[in-house]
Amino acid sequence: LKPGSFEGTGEFFTVLDADRCGFACGSLSPFTSHRSMSRAAFNSLGDDEEDDPRKHECRGKMNQGEVAFNFKQKNMQTDMEMWFMEAIPEVFGVEDSDELDESLQEDAQADIVEKICSTNNTEDMRQTLLAWLAQCPDAARRDDFVGKAVSKALKVHLAGRK
């Protein structure tokens, strides 16, 4: 192709004569397709070296304290969250969790489920749940719920060992 002509690649075009169109060499025009650019031209587009992934050392992900569950554990944790959504209102004797304090609603429930599932000590699980459910008016319902929740959380935790 001659300078001043266009190379078609579907809906996109590469401007070969940058002077005629007012674009600096190596910059993208609205008609530029990344497929039709040379590797050198594409690599010269960004001048931000700190943003260039080729210039970074590969150090892996930063540990942010998140638990890495396997597929089975994730499914079991999700099932446990669904069970919490049904069981917590029953423990408190209300129809829906919207009637409960914010600290007992679905978002907080999911946080508690994640916390107890990532703990390997059943007594720590039990204490976490008892502290979270401290406002529960019916101690028998609360204790029954805590026992079932600890059992389910332990199963989630143990599913990671197989």
Protein backbone atom coordinates (compact mmCIF):
# COMPACT_ATOMS: atom_id res chain seq x y z
CA LEU A 1 0.00 0.00 0.00
CA LYS A 2 1.11 3.55 -0.70
CA PRO A 3 1.23 6.39 1.83
CA GLY A 4 -2.16 8.03 1.93
CA SER A 5 -4.07 4.79 1.35
CA PHE A 6 -6.00 2.76 3.89
CA GLU A 7 -5.71 -0.91 4.78
CA GLY A 8 -9.14 -2.39 5.53
CA THR A 9 -9.65 -4.95 8.28
CA GLY A 10 -13.40 -5.17 8.69
CA GLU A 11 -14.77 -2.04 10.34
CA PHE A 12 -11.33 -0.71 11.37
CA PHE A 13 -8.63 0.94 9.30
CA THR A 14 -4.97 1.73 9.87
CA VAL A 15 -3.84 5.14 8.74
CA LEU A 16 -0.59 4.67 6.82
CA ASP A 17 0.02 8.35 6.18
CA ALA A 18 -0.13 9.93 9.63
CA ASP A 19 0.82 13.43 8.41
CA ARG A 20 -2.23 13.72 6.16
CA CYS A 21 -4.63 12.76 8.97
CA GLY A 22 -3.03 14.78 11.76
CA PHE A 23 -2.05 11.82 13.98
CA ALA A 24 1.43 11.34 15.35
CA CYS A 25 3.26 8.24 14.25
CA GLY A 26 2.56 5.33 16.54
CA SER A 27 -0.63 6.80 18.01
CA LEU A 28 -4.02 5.21 17.57
CA SER A 29 -6.52 6.88 15.34
CA PRO A 30 -10.22 6.13 15.61
CA PHE A 31 -9.69 3.94 12.54
CA THR A 32 -6.77 1.91 13.88
CA SER A 33 -7.06 -1.81 14.42
CA HIS A 34 -4.64 -3.34 16.91
CA ARG A 35 -4.45 -6.41 14.64
CA SER A 36 -3.05 -4.43 11.74
CA MET A 37 -0.36 -2.63 13.75
CA SER A 38 3.15 -3.94 13.88
CA ARG A 39 4.36 -5.21 17.25
CA ALA A 40 6.90 -2.37 17.46
CA ALA A 41 4.23 0.26 16.81
CA PHE A 42 1.87 -1.32 19.33
CA ASN A 43 4.62 -1.55 21.97
CA SER A 44 5.57 2.09 21.49
CA LEU A 45 2.03 3.31 22.25
CA GLY A 46 2.40 3.39 26.02
CA ASP A 47 5.14 5.46 27.62
CA ASP A 48 4.16 4.48 31.19
CA GLU A 49 6.86 1.98 32.12
CA GLU A 50 5.38 1.36 35.58
CA ASP A 51 2.18 0.16 33.89
CA ASP A 52 4.00 -2.15 31.50
CA PRO A 53 3.51 -5.73 32.76
CA ARG A 54 6.66 -6.82 30.90
CA LYS A 55 8.76 -4.60 33.20
CA HIS A 56 7.46 -6.01 36.51
CA GLU A 57 9.02 -8.76 38.54
CA CYS A 58 6.70 -11.73 38.88
CA ARG A 59 6.04 -12.05 42.57
CA GLY A 60 2.62 -13.69 42.52
CA LYS A 61 -0.46 -12.50 44.33
CA MET A 62 -0.22 -10.51 47.51
CA ASN A 63 -1.53 -12.46 50.50
CA GLN A 64 -4.57 -10.53 51.71
CA GLY A 65 -5.63 -13.07 54.29
CA GLU A 66 -8.31 -14.55 52.08
CA VAL A 67 -9.04 -18.23 52.35
CA ALA A 68 -8.66 -20.18 49.12
CA PHE A 69 -11.42 -22.79 49.12
CA ASN A 70 -11.59 -25.55 46.55
CA PHE A 71 -14.70 -26.08 44.40
CA LYS A 72 -16.36 -28.48 46.83
CA GLN A 73 -15.72 -26.17 49.79
CA LYS A 74 -17.14 -23.18 47.90
CA ASN A 75 -20.31 -25.12 47.11
CA MET A 76 -20.64 -26.27 50.71
CA GLN A 77 -20.04 -22.73 51.96
CA THR A 78 -22.74 -21.39 49.62
CA ASP A 79 -25.16 -24.06 50.87
CA MET A 80 -24.32 -23.06 54.42
CA GLU A 81 -25.00 -19.38 53.63
CA MET A 82 -28.40 -20.36 52.22
CA TRP A 83 -29.12 -22.38 55.35
CA PHE A 84 -28.15 -19.38 57.51
CA MET A 85 -30.62 -17.19 55.59
CA GLU A 86 -33.44 -19.57 56.51
CA ALA A 87 -32.31 -20.52 60.01
CA ILE A 88 -31.31 -17.17 61.57
CA PRO A 89 -34.82 -15.64 61.38
CA GLU A 90 -36.21 -18.86 62.93
CA VAL A 91 -33.67 -18.69 65.76
CA PHE A 92 -34.84 -15.15 66.55
CA GLY A 93 -38.53 -15.97 65.99
CA VAL A 94 -39.09 -13.54 63.09
CA GLU A 95 -40.42 -14.03 59.57
CA ASP A 96 -37.57 -12.42 57.64
CA SER A 97 -33.99 -11.36 58.33
CA ASP A 98 -34.93 -7.78 57.36
CA GLU A 99 -36.65 -7.58 60.75
CA LEU A 100 -33.33 -8.32 62.48
CA ASP A 101 -30.48 -6.02 63.40
CA GLU A 102 -28.14 -5.23 60.47
CA SER A 103 -25.39 -7.30 62.11
CA LEU A 104 -27.59 -10.41 61.67
CA GLN A 105 -28.73 -9.86 58.08
CA GLU A 106 -27.46 -11.63 54.93
CA ASP A 107 -24.18 -9.74 54.43
CA ALA A 108 -23.15 -10.28 58.03
CA GLN A 109 -24.27 -13.90 57.82
CA ALA A 110 -22.00 -14.47 54.82
CA ASP A 111 -19.08 -12.91 56.71
CA ILE A 112 -19.68 -15.16 59.72
CA VAL A 113 -19.98 -18.25 57.51
CA GLU A 114 -16.66 -17.43 55.84
CA LYS A 115 -15.02 -16.77 59.19
CA ILE A 116 -16.11 -20.01 60.82
CA CYS A 117 -15.46 -22.11 57.71
CA SER A 118 -11.89 -20.87 57.59
CA THR A 119 -11.31 -21.74 61.25
CA ASN A 120 -10.13 -25.24 62.10
CA ASN A 121 -10.87 -25.09 65.83
CA THR A 122 -14.47 -26.03 66.72
CA GLU A 123 -14.33 -24.14 70.04
CA ASP A 124 -13.30 -20.95 68.18
CA MET A 125 -16.20 -21.51 65.77
CA ARG A 126 -18.59 -21.95 68.67
CA GLN A 127 -17.35 -18.85 70.50
CA THR A 128 -17.58 -16.75 67.31
CA LEU A 129 -21.18 -17.82 66.77
CA LEU A 130 -22.17 -17.33 70.42
CA ALA A 131 -20.71 -13.81 70.43
CA TRP A 132 -22.50 -13.01 67.16
CA LEU A 133 -25.82 -14.36 68.47
CA ALA A 134 -25.52 -12.79 71.93
CA GLN A 135 -28.83 -10.90 71.52
CA CYS A 136 -30.80 -14.09 70.81
CA PRO A 137 -33.75 -14.30 73.23
CA ASP A 138 -34.06 -18.12 73.09
CA ALA A 139 -30.90 -19.81 74.38
CA ALA A 140 -32.10 -23.31 73.42
CA ARG A 141 -32.70 -22.33 69.78
CA ARG A 142 -29.40 -20.48 69.71
CA ASP A 143 -27.43 -23.43 71.10
CA ASP A 144 -29.11 -25.84 68.67
CA PHE A 145 -28.26 -23.54 65.77
CA VAL A 146 -24.65 -23.13 66.95
CA GLY A 147 -24.18 -26.91 67.17
CA LYS A 148 -25.49 -27.45 63.62
CA ALA A 149 -23.48 -24.51 62.25
CA VAL A 150 -20.23 -25.75 63.81
CA SER A 151 -20.86 -29.21 62.35
CA LYS A 152 -21.47 -27.76 58.87
CA ALA A 153 -18.42 -25.45 59.10
CA LEU A 154 -16.22 -28.34 60.17
CA LYS A 155 -17.38 -30.33 57.13
CA VAL A 156 -16.48 -27.39 54.87
CA HIS A 157 -13.07 -27.13 56.48
CA LEU A 158 -12.44 -30.89 56.22
CA ALA A 159 -13.45 -30.93 52.53
CA GLY A 160 -10.23 -29.05 51.83
CA ARG A 161 -8.08 -31.87 53.18
CA LYS A 162 -9.27 -34.51 50.73
